[in-house]
Amino acid sequence: VSEHFLRLLGTTREAVIGHTSTELGIWASAEDRERVGQVLAEQNAVYDVEMQFRVRSGDLRDALASFEIVDLGGENCVLTLVQDITERKRAQDELRALYEATTYLFNADSLLSLGEQIVEAVIHEFGKVDCGLMLVDKEHNCMVRLARKGQYSVQTAAPLFLDGAGLVPEAVRTGKMVYAPDVVADERYVSNSPGTRSELVVPLRTRQGVLGVLDLQTETVGAFSERDHRVLTAFAERAAASIESMQLYEELNRHAAELEWRVAQRTAELQRAKDRVEAFLNNSSDAIILMKAGGIIQQTNQAFSQLFGYDRDSILGESLMKFILPEEVTVLMDTFRQVIETEKAIRIDIVARRQSGEMFDTEMVLAPVMEYEGPALN
């Protein structure tokens, strides 16, 4: 035997030389031993067989083994090569568990739905446990229960304060996993269910800090292994990221809904203002013209059409200068500039011309229309 083989079994050369593998109890499965022996008898070699073997302490290890019959001094012997793959199998098992658990995280459309799926994933993977998901409410210095599932359904309405006693507040404060393998012997434990014998609290951490915890409780003492700790730690990282993204998504939705409501309110206000202006324009006996600063007509009322004899639509985009005498243009343009510069209304008397060519005296008031928090545009 090699030194590596002895270290693997945790034994000594003297303890194994002269003994069969059956006597040493190395084979964890008699069926595996018989199957390998049968193939060796037929083919003289077996390569890369996955099996379990028992070490001196009684623990089981996973191995990848090869066996070959060789002739040593005229005697057939079995040359055995054993590779310990326990850690690799454990990692594969943990990755499988993590993959199966995280597939639950991609089907939620709300924070509540996501919370339900997270605790469902934990229950599916770990079986006879009760799992709760709680979120941190810093504003009220307490934990908010989002979801809970399990075989014996821990139910409690007792408030959990961040600065209070218990395993959950400690996990939030420290940002570390808190485990009580036997809650009866753990002074940190605060009872909330008579059936609980062990409790494991896993913080949900992001770059912003601890946003919540996974609280696992079971009726079995020492129910959670080191493997469970590793899987839950990795799962909690992904769950925390999903919760943070969903919180942001719902916050954006709330903000979008609020903006949409404000836009609707503002649109309604503008429509009401437009309706009032239209009512004023259409019911005024004075001719009213809305113009750009250069005198280009944008809108008129019915009184203008009646006074000047033009159809309202036919004059939109025309210059006001078309409706006054040429010698009055300079006066009108100077008045335009004064109104824009002073942002005050100015009254002038001017001679205007109807569509028929008839001239008539008119009193004109030029007043600025101000853009919100800006200069006069019209």
Protein backbone atom coordinates (compact mmCIF):
# COMPACT_ATOMS: atom_id res chain seq x y z
CA VAL A 1 0.00 0.00 0.00
CA SER A 2 1.12 3.59 -0.61
CA GLU A 3 1.40 6.31 1.99
CA HIS A 4 -1.39 8.22 0.26
CA PHE A 5 -3.69 5.19 0.64
CA LEU A 6 -2.91 5.00 4.34
CA ARG A 7 -3.61 8.72 4.82
CA LEU A 8 -6.85 8.35 2.87
CA LEU A 9 -8.09 5.57 5.16
CA GLY A 10 -6.66 7.17 8.28
CA THR A 11 -4.85 3.99 9.25
CA THR A 12 -1.38 2.44 9.44
CA ARG A 13 0.53 -0.02 7.28
CA GLU A 14 0.56 -2.61 10.08
CA ALA A 15 -3.21 -2.41 10.39
CA VAL A 16 -3.87 -3.27 6.75
CA ILE A 17 -1.07 -5.60 5.60
CA GLY A 18 -2.26 -9.20 5.62
CA HIS A 19 -5.96 -8.30 5.68
CA THR A 20 -8.56 -8.33 2.92
CA SER A 21 -10.62 -5.31 1.99
CA THR A 22 -13.66 -7.14 3.35
CA GLU A 23 -11.96 -7.68 6.71
CA LEU A 24 -10.99 -4.02 6.83
CA GLY A 25 -14.58 -2.99 5.99
CA ILE A 26 -13.39 -0.68 3.21
CA TRP A 27 -16.27 -1.39 0.86
CA ALA A 28 -19.33 0.66 1.78
CA SER A 29 -21.51 -1.43 -0.52
CA ALA A 30 -21.32 -5.20 -0.84
CA GLU A 31 -23.08 -4.89 -4.19
CA ASP A 32 -20.27 -2.67 -5.51
CA ARG A 33 -17.64 -5.22 -4.37
CA GLU A 34 -19.44 -8.10 -6.04
CA ARG A 35 -19.99 -6.13 -9.26
CA VAL A 36 -16.28 -5.20 -9.50
CA GLY A 37 -15.25 -8.79 -8.74
CA GLN A 38 -17.50 -10.14 -11.48
CA VAL A 39 -16.13 -7.75 -14.12
CA LEU A 40 -12.53 -8.51 -13.06
CA ALA A 41 -13.16 -12.21 -13.49
CA GLU A 42 -14.37 -11.61 -17.02
CA GLN A 43 -12.10 -8.82 -18.25
CA ASN A 44 -9.11 -8.69 -15.82
CA ALA A 45 -9.56 -4.89 -15.44
CA VAL A 46 -12.12 -2.29 -14.40
CA TYR A 47 -11.43 1.41 -14.81
CA ASP A 48 -12.96 4.63 -13.38
CA VAL A 49 -15.67 3.14 -11.23
CA GLU A 50 -17.49 5.53 -8.90
CA MET A 51 -17.93 3.99 -5.48
CA GLN A 52 -17.96 4.77 -1.79
CA PHE A 53 -15.42 3.49 0.72
CA ARG A 54 -15.29 3.58 4.47
CA VAL A 55 -12.33 5.09 6.34
CA ARG A 56 -11.11 4.01 9.77
CA SER A 57 -13.29 6.58 11.55
CA GLY A 58 -16.37 5.06 9.93
CA ASP A 59 -17.03 8.03 7.63
CA LEU A 60 -17.88 7.39 4.00
CA ARG A 61 -15.89 8.91 1.17
CA ASP A 62 -16.59 9.06 -2.57
CA ALA A 63 -13.94 7.60 -4.86
CA LEU A 64 -13.09 7.00 -8.49
CA ALA A 65 -11.37 3.58 -8.52
CA SER A 66 -9.62 1.40 -11.10
CA PHE A 67 -8.79 -2.30 -10.64
CA GLU A 68 -6.48 -4.52 -12.70
CA ILE A 69 -5.31 -8.12 -12.19
CA VAL A 70 -1.50 -8.33 -12.33
CA ASP A 71 0.97 -11.21 -11.94
CA LEU A 72 3.36 -10.80 -9.03
CA GLY A 73 5.77 -13.70 -8.69
CA GLY A 74 3.36 -16.12 -10.26
CA GLU A 75 0.46 -15.03 -8.11
CA ASN A 76 -2.51 -13.05 -9.40
CA CYS A 77 -3.02 -9.84 -7.43
CA VAL A 78 -5.44 -6.94 -7.83
CA LEU A 79 -3.73 -3.58 -8.36
CA THR A 80 -6.10 -0.88 -7.06
CA LEU A 81 -5.87 2.85 -7.76
CA VAL A 82 -8.19 5.07 -5.72
CA GLN A 83 -8.84 8.78 -6.23
CA ASP A 84 -10.80 10.58 -3.51
CA ILE A 85 -13.51 12.67 -5.23
CA THR A 86 -15.56 13.46 -2.13
CA GLU A 87 -15.03 17.20 -2.36
CA ARG A 88 -15.75 17.23 -6.09
CA LYS A 89 -18.98 15.27 -5.59
CA ARG A 90 -19.93 17.59 -2.75
CA ALA A 91 -19.33 20.63 -4.95
CA GLN A 92 -21.38 19.09 -7.76
CA ASP A 93 -24.18 18.31 -5.34
CA GLU A 94 -24.11 21.86 -3.97
CA LEU A 95 -24.12 23.34 -7.48
CA ARG A 96 -27.08 21.14 -8.42
CA ALA A 97 -28.96 22.18 -5.30
CA LEU A 98 -28.13 25.83 -5.91
CA TYR A 99 -29.21 25.59 -9.57
CA GLU A 100 -32.52 23.97 -8.68
CA ALA A 101 -33.18 26.53 -5.96
CA THR A 102 -32.31 29.58 -8.07
CA THR A 103 -34.56 28.51 -10.97
CA TYR A 104 -37.43 29.68 -8.75
CA LEU A 105 -36.12 33.25 -8.82
CA PHE A 106 -36.86 33.98 -12.47
CA ASN A 107 -40.65 33.63 -12.52
CA ALA A 108 -41.81 36.40 -10.18
CA ASP A 109 -43.68 39.52 -11.24
CA SER A 110 -43.94 41.20 -7.83
CA LEU A 111 -42.03 41.38 -4.54
CA LEU A 112 -44.67 39.29 -2.77
CA SER A 113 -44.57 36.65 -5.50
CA LEU A 114 -40.77 36.60 -5.39
CA GLY A 115 -40.83 36.15 -1.61
CA GLU A 116 -43.19 33.19 -1.93
CA GLN A 117 -40.96 31.59 -4.55
CA ILE A 118 -37.80 32.06 -2.49
CA VAL A 119 -39.20 30.28 0.58
CA GLU A 120 -40.72 27.61 -1.69
CA ALA A 121 -37.26 26.97 -3.18
CA VAL A 122 -35.75 26.49 0.29
CA ILE A 123 -38.54 24.11 1.33
CA HIS A 124 -38.13 22.13 -1.90
CA GLU A 125 -34.38 21.74 -1.36
CA PHE A 126 -34.26 21.12 2.40
CA GLY A 127 -37.50 19.29 2.98
CA LYS A 128 -38.75 19.20 6.57
CA VAL A 129 -38.01 22.77 7.54
CA ASP A 130 -40.03 25.93 8.02
CA CYS A 131 -38.65 28.90 6.10
CA GLY A 132 -39.56 32.55 6.52
CA LEU A 133 -38.43 35.60 4.56
CA MET A 134 -38.27 38.90 6.42
CA LEU A 135 -37.23 42.32 5.14
CA VAL A 136 -35.59 45.13 7.08
CA ASP A 137 -37.73 48.21 7.73
CA LYS A 138 -35.20 50.79 8.89
CA GLU A 139 -37.81 53.53 9.14
CA HIS A 140 -39.71 51.63 11.83
CA ASN A 141 -36.65 49.78 13.23
CA CYS A 142 -38.21 46.36 12.73
CA MET A 143 -38.52 43.33 10.46
CA VAL A 144 -41.41 42.90 8.02
CA ARG A 145 -42.58 39.34 7.40
CA LEU A 146 -42.92 38.90 3.64
CA ALA A 147 -43.45 35.15 3.20
CA ARG A 148 -43.35 31.90 5.16
CA LYS A 149 -43.84 28.24 4.29
CA GLY A 150 -43.07 24.89 5.83
CA GLN A 151 -44.31 21.59 7.15
CA TYR A 152 -45.30 22.78 10.59
CA SER A 153 -45.90 26.44 9.69
CA VAL A 154 -44.41 28.69 12.31
CA GLN A 155 -47.01 31.40 12.91
CA THR A 156 -46.28 34.47 15.00
CA ALA A 157 -47.35 38.09 15.02
CA ALA A 158 -44.81 39.17 17.62
CA PRO A 159 -42.83 42.21 16.40
CA LEU A 160 -39.11 41.79 15.74
CA PHE A 161 -37.13 44.96 16.43
CA LEU A 162 -33.68 45.44 14.93
CA ASP A 163 -32.18 46.32 18.31
CA GLY A 164 -34.07 43.55 20.13
CA ALA A 165 -33.22 40.02 21.24
CA GLY A 166 -33.29 36.92 19.05
CA LEU A 167 -31.31 35.25 16.29
CA VAL A 168 -32.92 37.28 13.49
CA PRO A 169 -31.97 40.74 14.85
CA GLU A 170 -28.44 39.48 15.56
CA ALA A 171 -28.03 38.27 11.97
CA VAL A 172 -29.21 41.67 10.68
CA ARG A 173 -26.90 43.61 13.01
CA THR A 174 -23.81 41.50 12.32
CA GLY A 175 -24.50 40.66 8.67
CA LYS A 176 -23.44 37.06 9.45
CA MET A 177 -25.18 33.69 9.50
CA VAL A 178 -26.48 32.77 12.96
CA TYR A 179 -27.01 29.10 13.83
CA ALA A 180 -28.51 27.55 16.95
CA PRO A 181 -28.20 23.74 16.52
CA ASP A 182 -30.15 23.32 19.78
CA VAL A 183 -32.30 26.33 20.62
CA VAL A 184 -32.84 25.08 24.17
CA ALA A 185 -29.14 25.47 24.86
CA ASP A 186 -28.75 28.82 23.07
CA GLU A 187 -29.38 31.88 25.22
CA ARG A 188 -29.79 34.07 22.13
CA TYR A 189 -32.93 32.19 21.07
CA VAL A 190 -36.31 33.82 21.64
CA SER A 191 -39.08 31.24 21.45
CA ASN A 192 -41.87 31.81 18.93
CA SER A 193 -42.85 28.20 18.23
CA PRO A 194 -42.85 25.30 20.72
CA GLY A 195 -41.87 22.82 18.00
CA THR A 196 -38.60 24.48 17.01
CA ARG A 197 -35.43 22.65 18.05
CA SER A 198 -32.86 24.22 15.74
CA GLU A 199 -32.81 27.53 13.87
CA LEU A 200 -30.62 28.94 11.13
CA VAL A 201 -30.79 32.61 10.09
CA VAL A 202 -29.09 33.62 6.82
CA PRO A 203 -28.70 37.36 6.09
CA LEU A 204 -29.63 38.67 2.65
CA ARG A 205 -26.76 41.02 1.86
CA THR A 206 -26.24 43.48 -0.99
CA ARG A 207 -23.83 46.35 -1.50
CA GLN A 208 -26.33 48.52 0.33
CA GLY A 209 -26.18 46.31 3.44
CA VAL A 210 -28.51 43.67 4.89
CA LEU A 211 -31.97 43.99 3.35
CA GLY A 212 -33.51 40.96 5.05
CA VAL A 213 -33.02 37.38 6.26
CA LEU A 214 -34.00 33.80 5.56
CA ASP A 215 -35.17 32.21 8.82
CA LEU A 216 -35.09 28.40 8.82
CA GLN A 217 -36.54 26.43 11.72
CA THR A 218 -36.96 22.68 12.21
CA GLU A 219 -38.06 20.16 14.81
CA THR A 220 -34.72 18.32 14.59
CA VAL A 221 -31.68 19.15 16.72
CA GLY A 222 -28.55 19.89 14.65
CA ALA A 223 -30.51 19.74 11.42
CA PHE A 224 -28.25 21.93 9.28
CA SER A 225 -24.89 20.67 8.03
CA GLU A 226 -21.88 22.56 6.73
CA ARG A 227 -23.07 21.69 3.23
CA ASP A 228 -26.44 23.32 4.03
CA HIS A 229 -24.62 26.42 5.24
CA ARG A 230 -22.66 26.71 2.01
CA VAL A 231 -25.67 26.17 -0.27
CA LEU A 232 -27.83 28.61 1.67
CA THR A 233 -25.11 31.25 1.71
CA ALA A 234 -24.74 31.05 -2.07
CA PHE A 235 -28.52 30.97 -2.56
CA ALA A 236 -28.98 33.97 -0.25
CA GLU A 237 -26.62 36.05 -2.40
CA ARG A 238 -28.75 35.42 -5.47
CA ALA A 239 -32.01 35.86 -3.59
CA ALA A 240 -30.83 39.19 -2.18
CA ALA A 241 -29.90 40.45 -5.65
CA SER A 242 -33.32 39.39 -6.98
CA ILE A 243 -35.14 41.12 -4.11
CA GLU A 244 -33.13 44.30 -4.57
CA SER A 245 -33.91 44.31 -8.31
CA MET A 246 -37.61 43.68 -7.66
CA GLN A 247 -37.74 46.48 -5.07
CA LEU A 248 -36.16 48.84 -7.59
CA TYR A 249 -38.57 47.64 -10.30
CA GLU A 250 -41.60 48.25 -8.08
CA GLU A 251 -40.24 51.63 -7.01
CA LEU A 252 -39.79 52.63 -10.65
CA ASN A 253 -43.32 51.44 -11.40
CA ARG A 254 -44.70 53.50 -8.52
CA HIS A 255 -42.72 56.52 -9.71
CA ALA A 256 -43.91 56.02 -13.30
CA ALA A 257 -47.52 55.71 -12.11
CA GLU A 258 -47.14 58.89 -10.07
CA LEU A 259 -45.64 60.74 -13.05
CA GLU A 260 -48.41 59.45 -15.28
CA TRP A 261 -51.01 60.70 -12.81
CA ARG A 262 -49.29 64.10 -12.63
CA VAL A 263 -49.14 64.33 -16.42
CA ALA A 264 -52.84 63.46 -16.63
CA GLN A 265 -53.63 66.12 -14.03
CA ARG A 266 -51.50 68.70 -15.84
CA THR A 267 -53.06 67.80 -19.18
CA ALA A 268 -56.52 68.23 -17.69
CA GLU A 269 -55.51 71.61 -16.23
CA LEU A 270 -54.12 72.75 -19.58
CA GLN A 271 -57.28 71.61 -21.34
CA ARG A 272 -59.41 73.54 -18.88
CA ALA A 273 -57.22 76.62 -19.37
CA LYS A 274 -57.46 76.19 -23.15
CA ASP A 275 -61.22 75.88 -22.92
CA ARG A 276 -61.41 79.09 -20.88
CA VAL A 277 -59.20 80.94 -23.38
CA GLU A 278 -61.26 79.62 -26.29
CA ALA A 279 -64.44 80.70 -24.57
CA PHE A 280 -62.99 84.16 -23.96
CA LEU A 281 -61.81 84.50 -27.56
CA ASN A 282 -65.06 83.32 -29.08
CA ASN A 283 -67.29 85.47 -26.90
CA SER A 284 -65.30 88.71 -27.00
CA SER A 285 -66.68 91.57 -29.13
CA ASP A 286 -63.10 92.87 -29.66
CA ALA A 287 -60.94 91.50 -32.45
CA ILE A 288 -58.16 89.42 -30.83
CA ILE A 289 -54.99 88.26 -32.59
CA LEU A 290 -52.24 85.94 -31.24
CA MET A 291 -48.98 86.64 -33.06
CA LYS A 292 -45.34 85.69 -32.98
CA ALA A 293 -42.98 88.51 -32.02
CA GLY A 294 -42.35 89.23 -35.72
CA GLY A 295 -46.05 89.84 -36.37
CA ILE A 296 -46.95 86.40 -37.85
CA ILE A 297 -50.56 85.53 -37.02
CA GLN A 298 -51.12 82.27 -35.09
CA GLN A 299 -54.73 82.59 -34.00
CA THR A 300 -57.69 84.95 -34.24
CA ASN A 301 -61.24 85.03 -32.99
CA GLN A 302 -64.60 85.42 -34.72
CA ALA A 303 -64.73 89.15 -33.98
CA PHE A 304 -61.54 89.66 -36.04
CA SER A 305 -63.08 87.88 -39.02
CA GLN A 306 -66.18 90.04 -38.77
CA LEU A 307 -64.18 93.26 -38.43
CA PHE A 308 -61.62 92.60 -41.18
CA GLY A 309 -63.73 90.41 -43.47
CA TYR A 310 -61.28 87.47 -43.65
CA ASP A 311 -61.92 83.80 -42.99
CA ARG A 312 -60.02 82.78 -39.82
CA ASP A 313 -58.13 79.88 -41.41
CA SER A 314 -57.05 81.83 -44.48
CA ILE A 315 -54.96 84.35 -42.54
CA LEU A 316 -53.04 81.98 -40.25
CA GLY A 317 -49.33 82.36 -40.93
CA GLU A 318 -49.83 85.77 -42.56
CA SER A 319 -48.16 88.94 -41.28
CA LEU A 320 -50.24 91.56 -39.47
CA MET A 321 -48.54 94.14 -41.70
CA LYS A 322 -50.86 92.95 -44.48
CA PHE A 323 -53.80 94.57 -42.68
CA ILE A 324 -52.34 98.08 -42.06
CA LEU A 325 -51.17 100.96 -44.23
CA PRO A 326 -47.51 100.77 -45.35
CA GLU A 327 -46.68 104.05 -43.60
CA GLU A 328 -47.89 102.53 -40.28
CA VAL A 329 -45.50 99.53 -40.44
CA THR A 330 -42.56 101.29 -38.79
CA VAL A 331 -44.72 102.48 -35.90
CA LEU A 332 -46.11 99.00 -35.38
CA MET A 333 -42.69 97.27 -35.48
CA ASP A 334 -41.24 99.80 -33.01
CA THR A 335 -44.17 99.10 -30.72
CA PHE A 336 -43.56 95.34 -31.01
CA ARG A 337 -39.97 95.79 -29.84
CA GLN A 338 -40.99 97.97 -26.90
CA VAL A 339 -43.57 95.42 -25.74
CA ILE A 340 -40.99 92.60 -25.85
CA GLU A 341 -38.28 94.64 -24.10
CA THR A 342 -40.49 96.09 -21.36
CA GLU A 343 -42.84 93.12 -21.11
CA LYS A 344 -45.70 95.60 -20.69
CA ALA A 345 -48.82 96.30 -22.75
CA ILE A 346 -48.83 99.39 -25.03
CA ARG A 347 -51.87 101.05 -26.62
CA ILE A 348 -51.59 102.73 -30.09
CA ASP A 349 -53.95 104.20 -32.69
CA ILE A 350 -53.45 102.90 -36.21
CA VAL A 351 -55.20 102.84 -39.60
CA ALA A 352 -56.18 99.30 -40.65
CA ARG A 353 -57.47 97.88 -43.92
CA ARG A 354 -60.33 95.41 -44.47
CA GLN A 355 -60.34 92.67 -47.13
CA SER A 356 -62.57 94.94 -49.23
CA GLY A 357 -59.80 97.56 -49.22
CA GLU A 358 -61.75 99.91 -46.94
CA MET A 359 -59.58 101.86 -44.48
CA PHE A 360 -60.70 102.43 -40.88
CA ASP A 361 -59.25 103.85 -37.68
CA THR A 362 -58.61 101.32 -34.91
CA GLU A 363 -57.28 101.35 -31.37
CA MET A 364 -54.80 98.51 -30.88
CA VAL A 365 -53.43 97.15 -27.61
CA LEU A 366 -50.25 95.08 -27.88
CA ALA A 367 -49.60 92.88 -24.82
CA PRO A 368 -46.89 90.23 -24.28
CA VAL A 369 -47.72 86.53 -23.82
CA MET A 370 -45.06 85.18 -21.45
CA GLU A 371 -43.53 81.71 -21.59
CA TYR A 372 -43.31 80.07 -18.16
CA GLU A 373 -40.23 81.49 -16.41
CA GLY A 374 -39.01 82.85 -19.71
CA PRO A 375 -39.17 85.84 -22.13
CA ALA A 376 -42.16 87.10 -24.06
CA LEU A 377 -42.73 84.89 -27.09
CA ASN A 378 -46.08 86.21 -28.46
